[in-house]
Amino acid sequence: MAAADSVLIFVLSLLVGTIGILAGARLVLDRDASVVNAAVTALIGAVAWAITSFFVGWVPILGVLLMLIIWVGVINWRYPGGWGSAVAIGFIAWIVAVAIVYAFAVVGFVTPDALGIPGV
């Protein structure tokens, strides 16, 4: 049962991350905003976040800041527009993810600690 739960959480997290990044990219860039690109970005971003978290996540303030910079760096790498656009995409993605996770929590589908975008 634990394996099935882990797979479900992974799929939901990827879906939430994809929707958030897709929304951010479409609002900020209005181009290069395909679902596949957003899903790949969400997956790479989640892996980068996890690896960075493993190595420096325990460092107060600096660890979380580095994890966030790495995550935004992945967005910057995957989408045009530079760091400013990447930060805007990430911020919008975070807001959308919070809204989705909140809606899922309200209906009792998930707990609010479901992941997909860092810090959600």
C-alpha atoms as a PDB file:
ATOM      1  CA  MET A   1       0.000   0.000   0.000  1.00  0.00           C
ATOM      2  CA  ALA A   2       2.867   2.398   0.768  1.00  0.00           C
ATOM      3  CA  ALA A   3       4.255   1.973  -2.761  1.00  0.00           C
ATOM      4  CA  ALA A   4       0.866   2.801  -4.283  1.00  0.00           C
ATOM      5  CA  ASP A   5       0.600   5.881  -2.065  1.00  0.00           C
ATOM      6  CA  SER A   6       4.074   7.006  -3.122  1.00  0.00           C
ATOM      7  CA  VAL A   7       3.224   6.600  -6.801  1.00  0.00           C
ATOM      8  CA  LEU A   8      -0.032   8.535  -6.352  1.00  0.00           C
ATOM      9  CA  ILE A   9       1.736  11.359  -4.501  1.00  0.00           C
ATOM     10  CA  PHE A  10       4.419  11.489  -7.204  1.00  0.00           C
ATOM     11  CA  VAL A  11       1.827  11.655  -9.998  1.00  0.00           C
ATOM     12  CA  LEU A  12      -0.225  14.322  -8.203  1.00  0.00           C
ATOM     13  CA  SER A  13       2.899  16.335  -7.429  1.00  0.00           C
ATOM     14  CA  LEU A  14       4.025  16.186 -11.045  1.00  0.00           C
ATOM     15  CA  LEU A  15       0.545  17.187 -12.207  1.00  0.00           C
ATOM     16  CA  VAL A  16       0.366  20.135  -9.794  1.00  0.00           C
ATOM     17  CA  GLY A  17       3.884  21.252 -10.721  1.00  0.00           C
ATOM     18  CA  THR A  18       3.134  20.940 -14.427  1.00  0.00           C
ATOM     19  CA  ILE A  19      -0.072  22.971 -14.185  1.00  0.00           C
ATOM     20  CA  GLY A  20       1.650  25.642 -12.105  1.00  0.00           C
ATOM     21  CA  ILE A  21       4.626  26.007 -14.422  1.00  0.00           C
ATOM     22  CA  LEU A  22       2.384  25.907 -17.502  1.00  0.00           C
ATOM     23  CA  ALA A  23       0.232  28.713 -16.071  1.00  0.00           C
ATOM     24  CA  GLY A  24       3.301  30.761 -15.201  1.00  0.00           C
ATOM     25  CA  ALA A  25       4.900  30.279 -18.613  1.00  0.00           C
ATOM     26  CA  ARG A  26       1.703  31.153 -20.460  1.00  0.00           C
ATOM     27  CA  LEU A  27       1.143  34.290 -18.388  1.00  0.00           C
ATOM     28  CA  VAL A  28       4.741  35.496 -18.491  1.00  0.00           C
ATOM     29  CA  LEU A  29       5.960  34.380 -21.916  1.00  0.00           C
ATOM     30  CA  ASP A  30       2.888  33.592 -23.983  1.00  0.00           C
ATOM     31  CA  ARG A  31       5.086  31.207 -26.000  1.00  0.00           C
ATOM     32  CA  ASP A  32       7.057  28.000 -25.508  1.00  0.00           C
ATOM     33  CA  ALA A  33       4.357  26.942 -23.075  1.00  0.00           C
ATOM     34  CA  SER A  34       3.509  23.386 -24.012  1.00  0.00           C
ATOM     35  CA  VAL A  35       2.281  20.851 -21.490  1.00  0.00           C
ATOM     36  CA  VAL A  36       5.216  18.559 -22.295  1.00  0.00           C
ATOM     37  CA  ASN A  37       7.762  21.333 -21.687  1.00  0.00           C
ATOM     38  CA  ALA A  38       6.059  22.238 -18.403  1.00  0.00           C
ATOM     39  CA  ALA A  39       5.995  18.576 -17.297  1.00  0.00           C
ATOM     40  CA  VAL A  40       9.667  18.074 -18.115  1.00  0.00           C
ATOM     41  CA  THR A  41      10.524  21.311 -16.307  1.00  0.00           C
ATOM     42  CA  ALA A  42       8.478  20.246 -13.264  1.00  0.00           C
ATOM     43  CA  LEU A  43      10.186  16.846 -13.203  1.00  0.00           C
ATOM     44  CA  ILE A  44      13.725  18.223 -13.590  1.00  0.00           C
ATOM     45  CA  GLY A  45      12.955  20.976 -11.078  1.00  0.00           C
ATOM     46  CA  ALA A  46      11.683  18.464  -8.524  1.00  0.00           C
ATOM     47  CA  VAL A  47      14.771  16.287  -8.940  1.00  0.00           C
ATOM     48  CA  ALA A  48      17.073  19.315  -8.673  1.00  0.00           C
ATOM     49  CA  TRP A  49      15.174  20.495  -5.570  1.00  0.00           C
ATOM     50  CA  ALA A  50      15.453  17.043  -3.960  1.00  0.00           C
ATOM     51  CA  ILE A  51      19.183  16.707  -4.666  1.00  0.00           C
ATOM     52  CA  THR A  52      19.914  20.214  -3.418  1.00  0.00           C
ATOM     53  CA  SER A  53      17.736  19.586  -0.367  1.00  0.00           C
ATOM     54  CA  PHE A  54      19.676  16.409   0.403  1.00  0.00           C
ATOM     55  CA  PHE A  55      23.017  18.212   0.375  1.00  0.00           C
ATOM     56  CA  VAL A  56      22.228  21.669   1.779  1.00  0.00           C
ATOM     57  CA  GLY A  57      18.577  21.596   2.887  1.00  0.00           C
ATOM     58  CA  TRP A  58      19.607  21.273   6.522  1.00  0.00           C
ATOM     59  CA  VAL A  59      21.511  24.600   6.461  1.00  0.00           C
ATOM     60  CA  PRO A  60      19.249  27.257   8.016  1.00  0.00           C
ATOM     61  CA  ILE A  61      18.027  29.900   5.553  1.00  0.00           C
ATOM     62  CA  LEU A  62      20.932  29.359   3.119  1.00  0.00           C
ATOM     63  CA  GLY A  63      19.827  25.793   2.328  1.00  0.00           C
ATOM     64  CA  VAL A  64      16.286  26.797   1.407  1.00  0.00           C
ATOM     65  CA  LEU A  65      17.556  29.823  -0.512  1.00  0.00           C
ATOM     66  CA  LEU A  66      19.940  27.647  -2.548  1.00  0.00           C
ATOM     67  CA  MET A  67      17.169  25.122  -3.235  1.00  0.00           C
ATOM     68  CA  LEU A  68      14.926  27.920  -4.501  1.00  0.00           C
ATOM     69  CA  ILE A  69      17.680  29.390  -6.686  1.00  0.00           C
ATOM     70  CA  ILE A  70      18.371  25.965  -8.207  1.00  0.00           C
ATOM     71  CA  TRP A  71      14.650  25.436  -8.902  1.00  0.00           C
ATOM     72  CA  VAL A  72      14.305  28.864 -10.547  1.00  0.00           C
ATOM     73  CA  GLY A  73      17.539  28.096 -12.426  1.00  0.00           C
ATOM     74  CA  VAL A  74      15.887  25.044 -13.958  1.00  0.00           C
ATOM     75  CA  ILE A  75      12.987  27.219 -15.111  1.00  0.00           C
ATOM     76  CA  ASN A  76      15.490  29.740 -16.492  1.00  0.00           C
ATOM     77  CA  TRP A  77      17.278  26.945 -18.373  1.00  0.00           C
ATOM     78  CA  ARG A  78      14.064  25.498 -19.841  1.00  0.00           C
ATOM     79  CA  TYR A  79      12.340  28.767 -20.841  1.00  0.00           C
ATOM     80  CA  PRO A  80      13.531  31.907 -22.635  1.00  0.00           C
ATOM     81  CA  GLY A  81      13.494  35.343 -21.060  1.00  0.00           C
ATOM     82  CA  GLY A  82      16.229  35.276 -18.435  1.00  0.00           C
ATOM     83  CA  TRP A  83      16.180  35.216 -14.667  1.00  0.00           C
ATOM     84  CA  GLY A  84      13.431  37.815 -14.302  1.00  0.00           C
ATOM     85  CA  SER A  85      11.028  35.741 -16.370  1.00  0.00           C
ATOM     86  CA  ALA A  86      12.063  32.573 -14.531  1.00  0.00           C
ATOM     87  CA  VAL A  87      11.357  34.186 -11.148  1.00  0.00           C
ATOM     88  CA  ALA A  88       7.955  35.398 -12.393  1.00  0.00           C
ATOM     89  CA  ILE A  89       7.103  31.944 -13.795  1.00  0.00           C
ATOM     90  CA  GLY A  90       8.170  30.317 -10.524  1.00  0.00           C
ATOM     91  CA  PHE A  91       6.143  32.749  -8.426  1.00  0.00           C
ATOM     92  CA  ILE A  92       3.006  32.232 -10.505  1.00  0.00           C
ATOM     93  CA  ALA A  93       3.597  28.472 -10.451  1.00  0.00           C
ATOM     94  CA  TRP A  94       3.814  28.566  -6.662  1.00  0.00           C
ATOM     95  CA  ILE A  95       0.553  30.552  -6.351  1.00  0.00           C
ATOM     96  CA  VAL A  96      -1.263  28.173  -8.717  1.00  0.00           C
ATOM     97  CA  ALA A  97       0.100  25.138  -6.867  1.00  0.00           C
ATOM     98  CA  VAL A  98      -1.001  26.520  -3.504  1.00  0.00           C
ATOM     99  CA  ALA A  99      -4.498  27.086  -4.919  1.00  0.00           C
ATOM    100  CA  ILE A 100      -4.670  23.554  -6.364  1.00  0.00           C
ATOM    101  CA  VAL A 101      -3.399  21.873  -3.200  1.00  0.00           C
ATOM    102  CA  TYR A 102      -5.770  23.982  -1.109  1.00  0.00           C
ATOM    103  CA  ALA A 103      -8.717  22.963  -3.310  1.00  0.00           C
ATOM    104  CA  PHE A 104      -7.689  19.287  -3.055  1.00  0.00           C
ATOM    105  CA  ALA A 105      -7.390  19.633   0.734  1.00  0.00           C
ATOM    106  CA  VAL A 106     -10.806  21.301   1.046  1.00  0.00           C
ATOM    107  CA  VAL A 107     -12.499  18.378  -0.680  1.00  0.00           C
ATOM    108  CA  GLY A 108     -10.442  15.914   1.372  1.00  0.00           C
ATOM    109  CA  PHE A 109      -8.496  14.458  -1.562  1.00  0.00           C
ATOM    110  CA  VAL A 110      -5.013  15.249  -0.208  1.00  0.00           C
ATOM    111  CA  THR A 111      -3.388  16.796   2.816  1.00  0.00           C
ATOM    112  CA  PRO A 112      -2.024  20.306   2.393  1.00  0.00           C
ATOM    113  CA  ASP A 113       1.585  19.070   2.512  1.00  0.00           C
ATOM    114  CA  ALA A 114       1.346  17.522  -0.981  1.00  0.00           C
ATOM    115  CA  LEU A 115       4.289  18.607  -3.092  1.00  0.00           C
ATOM    116  CA  GLY A 116       4.717  19.693  -6.690  1.00  0.00           C
ATOM    117  CA  ILE A 117       6.061  23.175  -6.243  1.00  0.00           C
ATOM    118  CA  PRO A 118       8.669  23.886  -3.562  1.00  0.00           C
ATOM    119  CA  GLY A 119       7.263  24.976  -0.264  1.00  0.00           C
ATOM    120  CA  VAL A 120       3.680  23.873  -0.924  1.00  0.00           C
END
